[in-house]
């Protein structure tokens, strides 16, 4: 499993967070998606053999939200690389 943290722009309500979480979890290969309005980010656990970080970001944008960068975390939670 890989972990991608996506900085999401224009989430203003709990409904926005729910929508972002829902579209991410609908992607084949996504194991979990946790969204924080306070941090304006989505933390996504996914199988890189089944989907890509680009697909995750595209899904957020297709749902009507902007992206202001993303970063990959190692399985232990430390930043591995910025995207």
N, C-alpha and C. Protein backbone atom coordinates (compact mmCIF):
# COMPACT_ATOMS: atom_id res chain seq x y z
N UNK A 1 0.83 -1.19 0.00
CA UNK A 1 0.00 0.00 0.00
C UNK A 1 0.87 1.25 0.00
N UNK A 2 0.41 2.22 -0.74
CA UNK A 2 1.05 3.53 -0.78
C UNK A 2 0.11 4.54 -0.10
N UNK A 3 0.67 5.64 0.35
CA UNK A 3 -0.14 6.70 0.96
C UNK A 3 0.18 8.00 0.24
N UNK A 4 -0.87 8.66 -0.26
CA UNK A 4 -0.74 9.94 -0.95
C UNK A 4 -1.54 10.98 -0.16
N UNK A 5 -0.93 12.12 0.10
CA UNK A 5 -1.62 13.23 0.76
C UNK A 5 -1.85 14.30 -0.30
N UNK A 6 -3.12 14.60 -0.55
CA UNK A 6 -3.48 15.57 -1.58
C UNK A 6 -4.02 16.83 -0.91
N UNK A 7 -3.43 17.97 -1.23
CA UNK A 7 -3.91 19.26 -0.71
C UNK A 7 -5.07 19.71 -1.60
N UNK A 8 -6.26 19.79 -1.00
CA UNK A 8 -7.48 20.06 -1.75
C UNK A 8 -7.93 21.50 -1.51
N UNK A 9 -8.25 22.20 -2.60
CA UNK A 9 -8.71 23.58 -2.54
C UNK A 9 -10.23 23.61 -2.71
N UNK A 10 -10.90 24.48 -1.97
CA UNK A 10 -12.32 24.79 -2.12
C UNK A 10 -13.25 23.82 -1.41
N UNK A 11 -12.76 23.14 -0.38
CA UNK A 11 -13.67 22.36 0.48
C UNK A 11 -14.13 23.30 1.58
N UNK A 12 -15.44 23.56 1.64
CA UNK A 12 -15.94 24.54 2.59
C UNK A 12 -16.90 23.98 3.64
N UNK A 13 -17.31 22.74 3.47
CA UNK A 13 -18.30 22.17 4.40
C UNK A 13 -18.05 20.68 4.57
N UNK A 14 -18.67 20.08 5.59
CA UNK A 14 -18.55 18.63 5.75
C UNK A 14 -19.04 17.87 4.51
N UNK A 15 -20.02 18.43 3.81
CA UNK A 15 -20.50 17.79 2.58
C UNK A 15 -19.41 17.72 1.52
N UNK A 16 -18.60 18.75 1.45
CA UNK A 16 -17.48 18.75 0.50
C UNK A 16 -16.49 17.64 0.85
N UNK A 17 -16.17 17.53 2.12
CA UNK A 17 -15.26 16.47 2.55
C UNK A 17 -15.81 15.10 2.26
N UNK A 18 -17.10 14.92 2.48
CA UNK A 18 -17.73 13.63 2.19
C UNK A 18 -17.68 13.32 0.70
N UNK A 19 -17.90 14.33 -0.11
CA UNK A 19 -17.87 14.11 -1.56
C UNK A 19 -16.47 13.71 -2.02
N UNK A 20 -15.45 14.40 -1.55
CA UNK A 20 -14.07 14.07 -1.93
C UNK A 20 -13.74 12.64 -1.47
N UNK A 21 -14.08 12.31 -0.26
CA UNK A 21 -13.84 10.96 0.25
C UNK A 21 -14.55 9.91 -0.60
N UNK A 22 -15.79 10.18 -0.95
CA UNK A 22 -16.59 9.22 -1.74
C UNK A 22 -15.99 8.99 -3.13
N UNK A 23 -15.58 10.07 -3.82
CA UNK A 23 -15.03 9.88 -5.16
C UNK A 23 -13.69 9.15 -5.12
N UNK A 24 -12.92 9.38 -4.08
CA UNK A 24 -11.64 8.67 -3.96
C UNK A 24 -11.85 7.20 -3.66
N UNK A 25 -12.76 6.89 -2.74
CA UNK A 25 -13.01 5.49 -2.39
C UNK A 25 -13.62 4.70 -3.54
N UNK A 26 -14.23 5.40 -4.50
CA UNK A 26 -14.84 4.72 -5.65
C UNK A 26 -13.80 4.21 -6.66
N UNK A 27 -12.56 4.66 -6.53
CA UNK A 27 -11.51 4.25 -7.45
C UNK A 27 -11.03 2.85 -7.09
N UNK A 28 -10.99 1.97 -8.08
CA UNK A 28 -10.50 0.61 -7.87
C UNK A 28 -9.04 0.68 -7.43
N UNK A 29 -8.74 0.08 -6.30
CA UNK A 29 -7.38 0.10 -5.76
C UNK A 29 -7.22 0.99 -4.53
N UNK A 30 -8.22 1.84 -4.27
CA UNK A 30 -8.16 2.69 -3.07
C UNK A 30 -8.69 1.89 -1.88
N UNK A 31 -7.86 1.79 -0.86
CA UNK A 31 -8.24 1.06 0.35
C UNK A 31 -8.94 1.96 1.37
N UNK A 32 -8.49 3.22 1.47
CA UNK A 32 -9.08 4.15 2.43
C UNK A 32 -8.81 5.58 1.97
N UNK A 33 -9.74 6.47 2.32
CA UNK A 33 -9.57 7.89 2.03
C UNK A 33 -10.12 8.66 3.23
N UNK A 34 -9.25 9.44 3.87
CA UNK A 34 -9.65 10.25 5.02
C UNK A 34 -9.44 11.72 4.64
N UNK A 35 -10.48 12.51 4.85
CA UNK A 35 -10.43 13.91 4.44
C UNK A 35 -10.52 14.80 5.68
N UNK A 36 -9.67 15.82 5.73
CA UNK A 36 -9.68 16.80 6.82
C UNK A 36 -9.98 18.18 6.25
N UNK A 37 -11.11 18.75 6.67
CA UNK A 37 -11.44 20.12 6.26
C UNK A 37 -10.45 21.11 6.86
N UNK A 38 -10.08 20.89 8.12
CA UNK A 38 -9.18 21.80 8.82
C UNK A 38 -7.82 21.89 8.13
N UNK A 39 -7.33 20.76 7.66
CA UNK A 39 -6.03 20.74 7.00
C UNK A 39 -6.15 20.90 5.49
N UNK A 40 -7.37 20.86 4.97
CA UNK A 40 -7.63 20.95 3.53
C UNK A 40 -6.85 19.88 2.78
N UNK A 41 -6.98 18.64 3.26
CA UNK A 41 -6.24 17.56 2.61
C UNK A 41 -7.00 16.24 2.66
N UNK A 42 -6.63 15.39 1.72
CA UNK A 42 -7.15 14.02 1.68
C UNK A 42 -5.96 13.08 1.79
N UNK A 43 -6.04 12.13 2.70
CA UNK A 43 -5.00 11.12 2.87
C UNK A 43 -5.56 9.82 2.31
N UNK A 44 -4.90 9.31 1.28
CA UNK A 44 -5.42 8.17 0.54
C UNK A 44 -4.45 7.00 0.59
N UNK A 45 -4.94 5.85 1.03
CA UNK A 45 -4.17 4.61 0.99
C UNK A 45 -4.62 3.84 -0.24
N UNK A 46 -3.65 3.46 -1.09
CA UNK A 46 -4.02 2.83 -2.34
C UNK A 46 -2.96 1.82 -2.78
N UNK A 47 -3.38 0.91 -3.66
CA UNK A 47 -2.50 -0.09 -4.24
C UNK A 47 -2.00 0.45 -5.57
N UNK A 48 -0.72 0.76 -5.65
CA UNK A 48 -0.16 1.37 -6.85
C UNK A 48 -0.21 0.45 -8.07
N UNK A 49 -0.40 -0.83 -7.85
CA UNK A 49 -0.56 -1.76 -8.97
C UNK A 49 -1.94 -1.63 -9.62
N UNK A 50 -2.90 -1.02 -8.88
CA UNK A 50 -4.27 -0.91 -9.38
C UNK A 50 -4.69 0.50 -9.77
N UNK A 51 -4.05 1.50 -9.20
CA UNK A 51 -4.35 2.88 -9.56
C UNK A 51 -3.12 3.75 -9.32
N UNK A 52 -3.15 4.95 -9.85
CA UNK A 52 -1.99 5.83 -9.76
C UNK A 52 -2.32 7.11 -8.99
N UNK A 53 -1.29 7.80 -8.49
CA UNK A 53 -1.52 9.08 -7.83
C UNK A 53 -2.21 10.08 -8.77
N UNK A 54 -1.91 10.01 -10.05
CA UNK A 54 -2.54 10.90 -11.02
C UNK A 54 -4.05 10.65 -11.08
N UNK A 55 -4.46 9.38 -11.01
CA UNK A 55 -5.89 9.06 -11.01
C UNK A 55 -6.58 9.65 -9.78
N UNK A 56 -5.91 9.61 -8.64
CA UNK A 56 -6.47 10.16 -7.41
C UNK A 56 -6.69 11.66 -7.57
N UNK A 57 -5.67 12.34 -8.07
CA UNK A 57 -5.77 13.80 -8.24
C UNK A 57 -6.82 14.16 -9.29
N UNK A 58 -6.88 13.39 -10.36
CA UNK A 58 -7.87 13.64 -11.40
C UNK A 58 -9.28 13.52 -10.83
N UNK A 59 -9.53 12.51 -9.99
CA UNK A 59 -10.86 12.29 -9.42
C UNK A 59 -11.28 13.48 -8.55
N UNK A 60 -10.35 14.02 -7.78
CA UNK A 60 -10.66 15.19 -6.94
C UNK A 60 -11.01 16.38 -7.83
N UNK A 61 -10.24 16.59 -8.88
CA UNK A 61 -10.50 17.70 -9.78
C UNK A 61 -11.81 17.49 -10.54
N UNK A 62 -12.10 16.28 -10.95
CA UNK A 62 -13.35 15.98 -11.66
C UNK A 62 -14.57 16.22 -10.77
N UNK A 63 -14.37 16.11 -9.45
CA UNK A 63 -15.46 16.35 -8.51
C UNK A 63 -15.67 17.85 -8.26
N UNK A 64 -14.82 18.69 -8.85
CA UNK A 64 -15.00 20.13 -8.76
C UNK A 64 -14.09 20.85 -7.78
N UNK A 65 -13.05 20.19 -7.33
CA UNK A 65 -12.13 20.79 -6.36
C UNK A 65 -10.76 20.98 -6.98
N UNK A 66 -10.02 21.92 -6.46
CA UNK A 66 -8.67 22.16 -6.95
C UNK A 66 -7.65 21.37 -6.15
N UNK A 67 -6.47 21.27 -6.72
CA UNK A 67 -5.36 20.57 -6.08
C UNK A 67 -4.23 21.58 -5.92
N UNK A 68 -3.66 21.64 -4.74
CA UNK A 68 -2.51 22.51 -4.50
C UNK A 68 -1.36 21.65 -4.00
N UNK A 69 -0.94 20.72 -4.83
CA UNK A 69 0.17 19.85 -4.49
C UNK A 69 -0.26 18.57 -3.82
N UNK A 70 0.69 17.65 -3.78
CA UNK A 70 0.47 16.35 -3.15
C UNK A 70 1.83 15.82 -2.74
N UNK A 71 1.81 14.90 -1.81
CA UNK A 71 3.06 14.28 -1.39
C UNK A 71 2.80 12.82 -1.04
N UNK A 72 3.79 12.02 -1.23
CA UNK A 72 3.71 10.60 -0.92
C UNK A 72 4.29 10.39 0.46
N UNK A 73 3.63 9.57 1.26
CA UNK A 73 4.15 9.21 2.57
C UNK A 73 4.64 7.78 2.52
N UNK A 74 5.67 7.51 3.28
CA UNK A 74 6.12 6.13 3.42
C UNK A 74 5.08 5.41 4.29
N UNK A 75 5.07 4.08 4.30
CA UNK A 75 4.11 3.36 5.12
C UNK A 75 4.16 3.75 6.60
N UNK A 76 5.26 4.29 7.07
CA UNK A 76 5.38 4.71 8.47
C UNK A 76 4.94 6.15 8.70
N UNK A 77 4.47 6.81 7.63
CA UNK A 77 3.90 8.15 7.79
C UNK A 77 4.84 9.31 7.55
N UNK A 78 6.09 9.06 7.15
CA UNK A 78 7.01 10.16 6.87
C UNK A 78 6.96 10.52 5.39
N UNK A 79 7.15 11.78 5.07
CA UNK A 79 7.11 12.20 3.67
C UNK A 79 8.21 11.51 2.90
N UNK A 80 7.83 10.90 1.77
CA UNK A 80 8.79 10.20 0.92
C UNK A 80 9.21 11.11 -0.22
N UNK A 81 8.26 11.85 -0.81
CA UNK A 81 8.56 12.75 -1.93
C UNK A 81 7.40 13.69 -2.15
N UNK A 82 7.69 14.85 -2.64
CA UNK A 82 6.63 15.80 -2.99
C UNK A 82 6.30 15.62 -4.45
N UNK A 83 5.00 15.78 -4.75
CA UNK A 83 4.57 15.67 -6.16
C UNK A 83 4.24 17.03 -6.70
